[in-house]
N, C-alpha and C. Protein backbone atom coordinates (compact mmCIF):
# COMPACT_ATOMS: atom_id res chain seq x y z
N MET A 1 7.53 -22.25 -21.47
CA MET A 1 7.93 -20.90 -21.14
C MET A 1 8.57 -20.87 -19.76
N ALA A 2 9.61 -20.13 -19.62
CA ALA A 2 10.32 -20.02 -18.35
C ALA A 2 9.57 -19.09 -17.41
N SER A 3 9.92 -19.19 -16.14
CA SER A 3 9.27 -18.31 -15.17
C SER A 3 9.81 -16.90 -15.30
N GLU A 4 9.00 -15.95 -14.88
CA GLU A 4 9.42 -14.55 -14.89
C GLU A 4 9.06 -13.91 -13.57
N THR A 5 9.74 -12.84 -13.25
CA THR A 5 9.49 -12.12 -12.02
C THR A 5 8.43 -11.07 -12.28
N THR A 6 7.41 -11.07 -11.44
CA THR A 6 6.31 -10.10 -11.55
C THR A 6 6.32 -9.22 -10.32
N TYR A 7 6.09 -7.93 -10.53
CA TYR A 7 5.99 -6.97 -9.43
C TYR A 7 4.58 -6.43 -9.39
N ILE A 8 3.97 -6.50 -8.22
CA ILE A 8 2.60 -6.02 -8.01
C ILE A 8 2.63 -4.91 -6.97
N VAL A 9 1.94 -3.83 -7.27
CA VAL A 9 1.82 -2.71 -6.34
C VAL A 9 0.35 -2.66 -5.91
N GLN A 10 0.10 -2.96 -4.62
CA GLN A 10 -1.25 -3.04 -4.08
C GLN A 10 -1.51 -1.88 -3.13
N PRO A 11 -2.40 -0.94 -3.52
CA PRO A 11 -2.73 0.17 -2.62
C PRO A 11 -3.88 -0.19 -1.69
N PHE A 12 -3.98 0.56 -0.61
CA PHE A 12 -5.08 0.43 0.35
C PHE A 12 -5.64 1.80 0.64
N GLN A 13 -6.94 1.85 0.81
CA GLN A 13 -7.63 3.10 1.09
C GLN A 13 -8.62 2.86 2.21
N LEU A 14 -9.15 3.93 2.74
CA LEU A 14 -10.17 3.82 3.79
C LEU A 14 -11.55 3.81 3.16
N SER A 15 -12.39 2.90 3.64
CA SER A 15 -13.78 2.88 3.18
C SER A 15 -14.55 4.00 3.88
N LYS A 16 -15.79 4.19 3.50
CA LYS A 16 -16.62 5.21 4.13
C LYS A 16 -16.81 4.94 5.62
N LYS A 17 -16.69 3.67 6.01
CA LYS A 17 -16.83 3.30 7.42
C LYS A 17 -15.49 3.30 8.16
N GLY A 18 -14.43 3.75 7.47
CA GLY A 18 -13.12 3.86 8.11
C GLY A 18 -12.31 2.58 8.13
N ARG A 19 -12.70 1.59 7.36
CA ARG A 19 -11.96 0.33 7.29
C ARG A 19 -10.99 0.34 6.12
N LEU A 20 -9.88 -0.36 6.28
CA LEU A 20 -8.93 -0.48 5.18
C LEU A 20 -9.50 -1.42 4.13
N GLU A 21 -9.42 -1.01 2.88
CA GLU A 21 -9.85 -1.88 1.79
C GLU A 21 -8.85 -1.78 0.65
N ARG A 22 -8.80 -2.85 -0.14
CA ARG A 22 -7.86 -2.88 -1.26
C ARG A 22 -8.33 -1.94 -2.37
N GLY A 23 -7.34 -1.29 -2.98
CA GLY A 23 -7.60 -0.52 -4.18
C GLY A 23 -7.23 -1.38 -5.38
N GLN A 24 -7.14 -0.77 -6.54
CA GLN A 24 -6.80 -1.47 -7.77
C GLN A 24 -5.29 -1.75 -7.81
N ALA A 25 -4.92 -3.02 -7.83
CA ALA A 25 -3.51 -3.41 -7.92
C ALA A 25 -3.00 -3.13 -9.33
N GLU A 26 -1.71 -2.82 -9.40
CA GLU A 26 -1.08 -2.55 -10.70
C GLU A 26 0.23 -3.32 -10.80
N LYS A 27 0.54 -3.78 -12.01
CA LYS A 27 1.81 -4.45 -12.26
C LYS A 27 2.85 -3.40 -12.62
N ALA A 28 4.10 -3.76 -12.37
CA ALA A 28 5.23 -2.91 -12.75
C ALA A 28 6.27 -3.78 -13.45
N LYS A 29 7.06 -3.16 -14.32
CA LYS A 29 8.02 -3.94 -15.12
C LYS A 29 9.24 -4.40 -14.34
N ASP A 30 9.60 -3.65 -13.28
CA ASP A 30 10.75 -4.04 -12.47
C ASP A 30 10.60 -3.42 -11.08
N GLU A 31 11.54 -3.72 -10.21
CA GLU A 31 11.45 -3.27 -8.82
C GLU A 31 11.47 -1.75 -8.70
N GLN A 32 12.33 -1.09 -9.45
CA GLN A 32 12.42 0.37 -9.37
C GLN A 32 11.12 1.02 -9.84
N ALA A 33 10.54 0.51 -10.90
CA ALA A 33 9.26 1.05 -11.39
C ALA A 33 8.16 0.81 -10.36
N ALA A 34 8.20 -0.33 -9.70
CA ALA A 34 7.19 -0.64 -8.67
C ALA A 34 7.31 0.32 -7.49
N LEU A 35 8.53 0.60 -7.08
CA LEU A 35 8.73 1.52 -5.96
C LEU A 35 8.32 2.95 -6.32
N ARG A 36 8.61 3.37 -7.54
CA ARG A 36 8.17 4.71 -7.97
C ARG A 36 6.65 4.80 -7.99
N LYS A 37 6.01 3.74 -8.49
CA LYS A 37 4.55 3.69 -8.55
C LYS A 37 3.97 3.74 -7.14
N ALA A 38 4.57 3.01 -6.22
CA ALA A 38 4.10 2.99 -4.83
C ALA A 38 4.22 4.38 -4.20
N GLU A 39 5.32 5.06 -4.47
CA GLU A 39 5.50 6.41 -3.93
C GLU A 39 4.43 7.36 -4.46
N ARG A 40 4.09 7.25 -5.74
CA ARG A 40 3.03 8.09 -6.31
C ARG A 40 1.68 7.76 -5.69
N MET A 41 1.41 6.47 -5.49
CA MET A 41 0.13 6.06 -4.91
C MET A 41 -0.03 6.59 -3.49
N MET A 42 1.08 6.69 -2.76
CA MET A 42 1.01 7.15 -1.37
C MET A 42 0.53 8.60 -1.26
N GLN A 43 0.48 9.32 -2.36
CA GLN A 43 -0.03 10.68 -2.34
C GLN A 43 -1.55 10.71 -2.14
N THR A 44 -2.22 9.60 -2.51
CA THR A 44 -3.68 9.56 -2.40
C THR A 44 -4.21 8.36 -1.61
N LYS A 45 -3.35 7.44 -1.23
CA LYS A 45 -3.77 6.23 -0.50
C LYS A 45 -3.20 6.25 0.91
N VAL A 46 -3.78 5.42 1.79
CA VAL A 46 -3.26 5.36 3.17
C VAL A 46 -2.17 4.32 3.34
N GLY A 47 -2.03 3.43 2.37
CA GLY A 47 -1.01 2.40 2.44
C GLY A 47 -0.78 1.75 1.10
N VAL A 48 0.43 1.21 0.92
CA VAL A 48 0.78 0.51 -0.32
C VAL A 48 1.77 -0.59 0.03
N ILE A 49 1.62 -1.73 -0.62
CA ILE A 49 2.58 -2.81 -0.46
C ILE A 49 3.07 -3.22 -1.84
N VAL A 50 4.37 -3.47 -1.95
CA VAL A 50 4.98 -3.90 -3.21
C VAL A 50 5.40 -5.36 -3.04
N LEU A 51 4.95 -6.21 -3.96
CA LEU A 51 5.24 -7.64 -3.90
C LEU A 51 6.01 -8.09 -5.13
N ARG A 52 6.89 -9.08 -4.93
CA ARG A 52 7.61 -9.72 -6.03
C ARG A 52 7.22 -11.19 -6.01
N GLU A 53 7.02 -11.75 -7.20
CA GLU A 53 6.60 -13.14 -7.28
C GLU A 53 7.13 -13.76 -8.56
N GLU A 54 7.57 -15.01 -8.45
CA GLU A 54 7.98 -15.77 -9.63
C GLU A 54 6.74 -16.45 -10.20
N VAL A 55 6.52 -16.26 -11.50
CA VAL A 55 5.31 -16.78 -12.14
C VAL A 55 5.71 -17.57 -13.38
N ASP A 56 5.11 -18.74 -13.53
CA ASP A 56 5.22 -19.52 -14.76
C ASP A 56 3.80 -19.66 -15.30
N ALA A 57 3.43 -18.73 -16.16
CA ALA A 57 2.05 -18.68 -16.66
C ALA A 57 1.69 -19.92 -17.45
N ALA A 58 2.63 -20.47 -18.19
CA ALA A 58 2.34 -21.66 -19.00
C ALA A 58 1.94 -22.84 -18.13
N ALA A 59 2.56 -22.96 -16.98
CA ALA A 59 2.26 -24.07 -16.07
C ALA A 59 1.25 -23.66 -15.00
N ASP A 60 0.80 -22.40 -15.05
CA ASP A 60 -0.14 -21.86 -14.06
C ASP A 60 0.41 -22.05 -12.65
N MET A 61 1.70 -21.69 -12.48
CA MET A 61 2.36 -21.84 -11.18
C MET A 61 2.81 -20.47 -10.69
N TYR A 62 2.56 -20.23 -9.41
CA TYR A 62 2.93 -18.97 -8.79
C TYR A 62 3.77 -19.25 -7.55
N GLY A 63 4.85 -18.51 -7.41
CA GLY A 63 5.71 -18.67 -6.24
C GLY A 63 5.13 -17.92 -5.05
N THR A 64 5.77 -18.08 -3.92
CA THR A 64 5.36 -17.36 -2.71
C THR A 64 5.71 -15.89 -2.87
N PRO A 65 4.74 -14.99 -2.67
CA PRO A 65 5.03 -13.56 -2.79
C PRO A 65 6.05 -13.12 -1.75
N ILE A 66 6.92 -12.22 -2.17
CA ILE A 66 7.93 -11.64 -1.29
C ILE A 66 7.64 -10.16 -1.19
N VAL A 67 7.59 -9.64 0.03
CA VAL A 67 7.33 -8.23 0.25
C VAL A 67 8.62 -7.46 -0.04
N VAL A 68 8.55 -6.58 -1.01
CA VAL A 68 9.69 -5.74 -1.36
C VAL A 68 9.70 -4.49 -0.50
N ALA A 69 8.50 -3.90 -0.31
CA ALA A 69 8.38 -2.68 0.49
C ALA A 69 6.93 -2.51 0.93
N GLN A 70 6.77 -1.79 2.01
CA GLN A 70 5.42 -1.43 2.45
C GLN A 70 5.46 -0.01 3.00
N PHE A 71 4.42 0.73 2.71
CA PHE A 71 4.34 2.13 3.11
C PHE A 71 2.99 2.37 3.76
N GLY A 72 2.96 3.17 4.81
CA GLY A 72 1.70 3.56 5.43
C GLY A 72 0.99 2.39 6.09
N ARG A 73 -0.33 2.47 6.09
CA ARG A 73 -1.16 1.45 6.75
C ARG A 73 -1.55 0.35 5.79
N ILE A 74 -1.35 -0.89 6.23
CA ILE A 74 -1.82 -2.05 5.49
C ILE A 74 -2.58 -2.92 6.47
N PRO A 75 -3.47 -3.78 5.98
CA PRO A 75 -4.25 -4.62 6.91
C PRO A 75 -3.36 -5.46 7.81
N GLU A 76 -3.75 -5.53 9.06
CA GLU A 76 -3.02 -6.31 10.06
C GLU A 76 -2.98 -7.78 9.65
N GLY A 77 -1.80 -8.37 9.70
CA GLY A 77 -1.63 -9.78 9.38
C GLY A 77 -1.47 -10.08 7.90
N LEU A 78 -1.53 -9.06 7.05
CA LEU A 78 -1.44 -9.31 5.60
C LEU A 78 -0.09 -9.89 5.21
N VAL A 79 0.99 -9.31 5.68
CA VAL A 79 2.32 -9.79 5.31
C VAL A 79 2.50 -11.25 5.75
N GLU A 80 2.08 -11.55 6.96
CA GLU A 80 2.20 -12.93 7.46
C GLU A 80 1.37 -13.89 6.63
N ALA A 81 0.16 -13.48 6.24
CA ALA A 81 -0.72 -14.34 5.46
C ALA A 81 -0.15 -14.58 4.05
N LEU A 82 0.46 -13.58 3.47
CA LEU A 82 1.02 -13.73 2.12
C LEU A 82 2.23 -14.65 2.09
N THR A 83 3.01 -14.60 3.12
CA THR A 83 4.26 -15.37 3.12
C THR A 83 4.16 -16.70 3.86
N ALA A 84 2.98 -17.04 4.33
CA ALA A 84 2.80 -18.30 5.06
C ALA A 84 2.74 -19.49 4.13
């Protein structure tokens, strides 16, 4: 099977102690759908990041995530850690 492009929309919310924590990530079919989903999530979340990644599920291989967009607050150092 050939590789395919996957879009992940990862929201962040504040915990009861005021710390940023991950919410439930969602997949999107393409970049535009991912951006629309991120915009909707921003109505109830403090931050959202949209990632693109090449995946070859048959070979269990994942490419380096690429940040497509980020909105609001996300954990410090997250972008650097994902792309390192």
